[in-house]
Amino acid sequence: MGKKNKWADIPAGHDNPLAYAISARDRSVIEMVNQAVKHKQVVLAYQAVVPAGRQAKPAFYEGLIRVLDETGRIIPAREFIAAIETTETGRIVDCLALEKGLKTLMDYPDLRLAINMSARSIGYARWMRILKRGLGEDPTIAERLILEITESSAMLVPELVIGFMKELQRKGISFALDDFGAGYTSFRYLKDFYFDILKIDGQFIRDIAHDADNQVLTAALTSVGQQFDMVTVAESVEKPADAAYLTALGIDCLQGYYFGAPTVKPPWLDSALDQAIA
């Protein structure tokens, strides 16, 4: 009896085993997220963004979308966002993130919060209805809301993003260009985007105190942000030496595990309690 081919059970038409495995994994991820969305098992995890050199009080928080799987385990966006980005589920997840972010801003009137979105959601009617309803319910929300769009997403439809930003900036909403340096931004468009905040991708930040290449690249990216009057934020700050180096470099704000991991429990409540006890 011959040795069984380990790929023999793969359906016909799947000539590339690796591609089939990836496709099967993506289908599994999409189904998991679909179920979470269906049952509204979606939460925000909050992470502080602190001013460099004045780290005791956050400048704002980022609300990061999380879904709960069938066991109740919290799944971070990096585990599913690529699989759902181009699907209807991706748009619904953006809607839920915005809905929860607006609710948080209404509940805490002193809070400033950043919420992630895809450029693909700009023309999504449900997303726009949620935003308009939220802005109508509380006139202070616009100036406290930051919408984060990744560099790669913004470059999909740059003209659409530019018009969208101009319209909402007139209402007081701020915009952050997320993961800057990881994509392929055309500097021709960067002049027109008018992002308020520039978040430098973590690959250039990790171990920057001891990595000469990252030092040169981060200095260049920071210079771009300063030239266009954007607040600069270093992502993925994990070590005190890196925080000190970035502060000396002139970065405006820092974000990362050194200042606290994302948590589904609003961290500003603990800060208020600590101040009350003191």
Protein backbone atom coordinates (compact mmCIF):
# COMPACT_ATOMS: atom_id res chain seq x y z
CA MET A 1 0.00 0.00 0.00
CA GLY A 2 1.47 3.33 -1.03
CA LYS A 3 2.09 6.24 1.29
CA LYS A 4 -0.94 8.49 1.58
CA ASN A 5 -0.56 11.97 0.17
CA LYS A 6 -1.19 14.38 3.07
CA TRP A 7 -2.90 16.80 0.69
CA ALA A 8 -5.19 14.15 -0.78
CA ASP A 9 -8.20 15.33 1.23
CA ILE A 10 -7.97 18.91 0.01
CA PRO A 11 -10.83 19.68 -2.40
CA ALA A 12 -10.01 19.81 -6.09
CA GLY A 13 -8.84 23.12 -7.43
CA HIS A 14 -6.60 23.90 -4.47
CA ASP A 15 -3.22 23.40 -6.14
CA ASN A 16 -1.34 25.49 -3.58
CA PRO A 17 -1.55 23.94 -0.09
CA LEU A 18 -0.27 27.09 1.63
CA ALA A 19 -2.81 29.29 -0.16
CA TYR A 20 -5.57 26.86 0.79
CA ALA A 21 -4.48 26.86 4.43
CA ILE A 22 -4.44 30.66 4.52
CA SER A 23 -7.84 30.83 2.84
CA ALA A 24 -9.30 28.34 5.33
CA ARG A 25 -7.86 30.30 8.25
CA ASP A 26 -9.30 33.56 6.91
CA ARG A 27 -12.74 31.96 6.52
CA SER A 28 -12.54 30.77 10.12
CA VAL A 29 -11.54 34.23 11.34
CA ILE A 30 -14.33 35.92 9.37
CA GLU A 31 -16.89 33.48 10.78
CA MET A 32 -15.64 34.12 14.33
CA VAL A 33 -15.94 37.89 13.85
CA ASN A 34 -19.35 37.51 12.18
CA GLN A 35 -20.63 35.63 15.20
CA ALA A 36 -19.18 38.22 17.59
CA VAL A 37 -20.80 41.04 15.62
CA LYS A 38 -24.13 39.20 15.42
CA HIS A 39 -24.25 38.82 19.19
CA LYS A 40 -22.69 42.25 19.83
CA GLN A 41 -19.72 40.69 21.58
CA VAL A 42 -17.53 43.67 20.79
CA VAL A 43 -15.70 45.96 23.22
CA LEU A 44 -13.16 48.77 23.19
CA ALA A 45 -9.79 48.46 24.88
CA TYR A 46 -8.30 51.79 25.92
CA GLN A 47 -4.64 52.79 25.75
CA ALA A 48 -3.18 56.09 26.89
CA VAL A 49 -1.26 58.48 24.65
CA VAL A 50 0.91 60.63 26.91
CA PRO A 51 2.77 63.92 26.29
CA ALA A 52 6.51 63.33 26.07
CA GLY A 53 8.20 64.60 29.22
CA ARG A 54 4.87 65.11 31.00
CA GLN A 55 3.67 61.55 31.24
CA ALA A 56 1.50 61.72 34.36
CA LYS A 57 -1.66 62.82 32.53
CA PRO A 58 -2.61 61.37 29.10
CA ALA A 59 -3.21 63.74 26.21
CA PHE A 60 -5.90 61.37 24.94
CA TYR A 61 -6.78 57.68 24.77
CA GLU A 62 -7.11 55.36 21.82
CA GLY A 63 -10.11 53.03 21.77
CA LEU A 64 -9.04 49.78 20.12
CA ILE A 65 -11.73 47.40 18.91
CA ARG A 66 -11.81 43.89 20.36
CA VAL A 67 -14.15 40.98 19.73
CA LEU A 68 -15.00 38.10 22.05
CA ASP A 69 -14.84 34.56 20.69
CA GLU A 70 -17.23 31.77 21.71
CA THR A 71 -15.20 31.11 24.88
CA GLY A 72 -15.26 34.78 25.93
CA ARG A 73 -11.59 35.27 25.06
CA ILE A 74 -10.74 38.85 24.03
CA ILE A 75 -9.33 38.92 20.48
CA PRO A 76 -7.26 41.99 19.46
CA ALA A 77 -7.84 43.60 16.08
CA ARG A 78 -4.49 42.50 14.67
CA GLU A 79 -5.79 38.93 14.74
CA PHE A 80 -8.75 39.61 12.44
CA ILE A 81 -8.65 43.04 10.81
CA ALA A 82 -6.75 41.94 7.67
CA ALA A 83 -9.26 39.16 7.00
CA ILE A 84 -12.33 41.42 7.28
CA GLU A 85 -10.98 44.73 5.98
CA THR A 86 -12.55 44.44 2.52
CA THR A 87 -15.78 42.76 3.65
CA GLU A 88 -19.15 43.99 4.88
CA THR A 89 -18.15 42.73 8.32
CA GLY A 90 -15.26 45.19 8.26
CA ARG A 91 -17.68 48.05 7.79
CA ILE A 92 -19.93 46.81 10.60
CA VAL A 93 -16.96 46.52 12.95
CA ASP A 94 -16.07 50.14 12.13
CA CYS A 95 -19.68 51.10 12.95
CA LEU A 96 -19.58 49.31 16.29
CA ALA A 97 -16.23 50.88 17.19
CA LEU A 98 -17.58 54.35 16.43
CA GLU A 99 -20.83 53.67 18.28
CA LYS A 100 -18.98 52.54 21.40
CA GLY A 101 -16.49 55.40 21.13
CA LEU A 102 -19.23 58.01 20.93
CA LYS A 103 -21.00 56.45 23.90
CA THR A 104 -17.77 56.63 25.91
CA LEU A 105 -17.33 60.30 24.99
CA MET A 106 -20.89 61.03 26.09
CA ASP A 107 -20.37 59.22 29.39
CA TYR A 108 -17.10 61.02 30.18
CA PRO A 109 -17.29 64.69 29.14
CA ASP A 110 -13.64 65.43 29.99
CA LEU A 111 -12.30 62.62 27.80
CA ARG A 112 -10.60 62.87 24.41
CA LEU A 113 -10.71 59.62 22.43
CA ALA A 114 -9.31 58.29 19.16
CA ILE A 115 -11.26 55.67 17.20
CA ASN A 116 -9.91 53.71 14.24
CA MET A 117 -11.71 53.56 10.92
CA SER A 118 -11.04 52.36 7.40
CA ALA A 119 -11.23 54.73 4.46
CA ARG A 120 -13.65 52.15 3.02
CA SER A 121 -16.20 53.22 5.64
CA ILE A 122 -16.37 56.81 4.40
CA GLY A 123 -19.17 56.01 1.97
CA TYR A 124 -20.89 53.55 4.29
CA ALA A 125 -24.30 55.03 5.12
CA ARG A 126 -24.70 53.33 8.51
CA TRP A 127 -21.31 54.65 9.71
CA MET A 128 -22.23 58.22 8.72
CA ARG A 129 -25.63 57.95 10.43
CA ILE A 130 -23.98 56.86 13.67
CA LEU A 131 -21.53 59.76 13.51
CA LYS A 132 -24.21 62.37 12.77
CA ARG A 133 -26.44 61.05 15.54
CA GLY A 134 -23.59 61.14 18.04
CA LEU A 135 -22.57 64.67 17.12
CA GLY A 136 -26.18 65.80 17.39
CA GLU A 137 -26.64 64.34 20.87
CA ASP A 138 -23.66 66.13 22.43
CA PRO A 139 -22.19 69.31 20.90
CA THR A 140 -18.85 68.80 22.71
CA ILE A 141 -18.12 65.43 21.13
CA ALA A 142 -16.72 66.71 17.83
CA GLU A 143 -13.82 68.54 19.45
CA ARG A 144 -13.03 65.49 21.62
CA LEU A 145 -13.19 62.88 18.84
CA ILE A 146 -10.12 61.82 16.87
CA LEU A 147 -10.57 59.54 13.87
CA GLU A 148 -7.54 57.40 13.02
CA ILE A 149 -6.98 56.20 9.46
CA THR A 150 -4.00 54.00 8.62
CA GLU A 151 -1.58 55.20 5.99
CA SER A 152 -2.29 52.24 3.71
CA SER A 153 -6.06 52.78 3.99
CA ALA A 154 -5.82 56.52 3.31
CA MET A 155 -3.86 55.91 0.12
CA LEU A 156 -6.58 53.66 -1.33
CA VAL A 157 -8.80 56.65 -2.09
CA PRO A 158 -6.79 59.78 -1.22
CA GLU A 159 -9.11 62.29 -2.91
CA LEU A 160 -12.13 60.86 -1.05
CA VAL A 161 -10.25 60.96 2.27
CA ILE A 162 -9.20 64.58 1.72
CA GLY A 163 -12.78 65.73 1.08
CA PHE A 164 -14.12 63.69 4.01
CA MET A 165 -11.55 65.16 6.39
CA LYS A 166 -12.17 68.74 5.34
CA GLU A 167 -15.91 68.35 5.93
CA LEU A 168 -15.53 66.86 9.41
CA GLN A 169 -12.66 69.10 10.49
CA ARG A 170 -15.02 72.03 9.99
CA LYS A 171 -17.19 70.40 12.67
CA GLY A 172 -14.20 70.21 15.04
CA ILE A 173 -13.18 66.56 14.59
CA SER A 174 -9.44 65.80 14.46
CA PHE A 175 -7.73 63.19 12.29
CA ALA A 176 -4.68 61.01 12.90
CA LEU A 177 -2.62 59.29 10.21
CA ASP A 178 -1.90 55.92 11.80
CA ASP A 179 1.10 53.61 11.20
CA PHE A 180 3.00 56.30 9.29
CA GLY A 181 6.03 54.89 7.52
CA ALA A 182 4.53 51.42 7.09
CA GLY A 183 2.70 52.27 3.88
CA TYR A 184 3.43 54.18 0.70
CA THR A 185 2.14 57.71 1.18
CA SER A 186 2.71 59.97 -1.78
CA PHE A 187 4.12 63.24 -0.51
CA ARG A 188 1.98 64.95 -3.14
CA TYR A 189 -1.08 63.81 -1.20
CA LEU A 190 0.48 64.38 2.22
CA LYS A 191 0.46 68.12 1.51
CA ASP A 192 -3.28 67.97 0.89
CA PHE A 193 -4.37 65.60 3.67
CA TYR A 194 -4.05 68.05 6.59
CA PHE A 195 -3.95 65.37 9.25
CA ASP A 196 -3.81 66.83 12.75
CA ILE A 197 -1.78 63.96 14.25
CA LEU A 198 0.96 61.77 12.79
CA LYS A 199 1.50 58.39 14.46
CA ILE A 200 4.87 56.85 13.61
CA ASP A 201 4.72 53.08 13.07
CA GLY A 202 6.11 50.96 15.88
CA GLN A 203 8.64 49.16 13.67
CA PHE A 204 10.72 52.37 13.72
CA ILE A 205 10.28 52.92 17.46
CA ARG A 206 11.14 49.59 19.10
CA ASP A 207 14.64 49.64 20.61
CA ILE A 208 15.28 53.06 19.08
CA ALA A 209 17.67 54.00 21.88
CA HIS A 210 20.10 51.37 20.57
CA ASP A 211 19.16 51.09 16.88
CA ALA A 212 20.96 53.62 14.67
CA ASP A 213 18.76 52.86 11.63
CA ASN A 214 15.57 53.48 13.59
CA GLN A 215 17.05 56.69 14.98
CA VAL A 216 17.66 58.09 11.48
CA LEU A 217 14.29 56.95 10.10
CA THR A 218 12.26 58.21 13.07
CA ALA A 219 14.04 61.58 12.94
CA ALA A 220 13.08 61.87 9.25
CA LEU A 221 9.45 60.89 9.88
CA THR A 222 9.26 63.30 12.81
CA SER A 223 10.61 66.08 10.61
CA VAL A 224 7.84 65.43 8.09
CA GLY A 225 5.21 65.75 10.80
CA GLN A 226 6.71 68.95 12.15
CA GLN A 227 6.93 70.46 8.66
CA PHE A 228 3.18 69.97 8.21
CA ASP A 229 2.30 71.17 11.75
CA MET A 230 1.11 67.75 12.89
CA VAL A 231 1.32 66.49 16.46
CA THR A 232 3.76 63.55 16.36
CA VAL A 233 3.08 60.33 18.27
CA ALA A 234 5.53 57.44 18.64
CA GLU A 235 3.75 54.07 18.74
CA SER A 236 4.92 50.88 20.48
CA VAL A 237 7.08 52.53 23.14
CA GLU A 238 8.07 49.65 25.41
CA LYS A 239 11.24 50.66 27.27
CA PRO A 240 12.25 53.64 29.45
CA ALA A 241 15.40 54.20 27.36
CA ASP A 242 13.28 54.46 24.20
CA ALA A 243 10.87 56.90 25.87
CA ALA A 244 13.80 59.09 26.97
CA TYR A 245 15.36 59.02 23.49
CA LEU A 246 12.08 59.95 21.78
CA THR A 247 11.48 62.79 24.23
CA ALA A 248 14.94 64.20 23.48
CA LEU A 249 14.26 63.80 19.76
CA GLY A 250 11.28 66.13 20.05
CA ILE A 251 8.38 63.69 19.61
CA ASP A 252 5.20 65.27 21.03
CA CYS A 253 3.47 62.18 22.46
CA LEU A 254 4.24 58.56 23.29
CA GLN A 255 2.07 55.44 23.25
CA GLY A 256 2.89 51.86 24.15
CA TYR A 257 3.13 49.15 26.76
CA TYR A 258 5.66 51.15 28.78
CA PHE A 259 2.76 53.44 29.72
CA GLY A 260 0.16 50.69 29.96
CA ALA A 261 -1.36 47.92 27.87
CA PRO A 262 -4.78 48.37 26.25
CA THR A 263 -7.47 47.52 28.79
CA VAL A 264 -11.23 47.08 28.53
CA LYS A 265 -11.56 48.72 31.96
CA PRO A 266 -11.44 52.51 31.49
CA PRO A 267 -8.04 53.45 32.99
CA TRP A 268 -9.09 57.05 33.71
CA LEU A 269 -11.45 55.73 36.39
CA ASP A 270 -8.46 54.32 38.31
CA SER A 271 -6.64 57.65 37.91
CA ALA A 272 -9.62 59.57 39.31
CA LEU A 273 -9.82 57.18 42.26
CA ASP A 274 -6.09 57.58 42.97
CA GLN A 275 -6.42 61.37 42.96
CA ALA A 276 -9.43 61.22 45.27
CA ILE A 277 -7.55 59.02 47.76
CA ALA A 278 -4.50 61.28 47.61
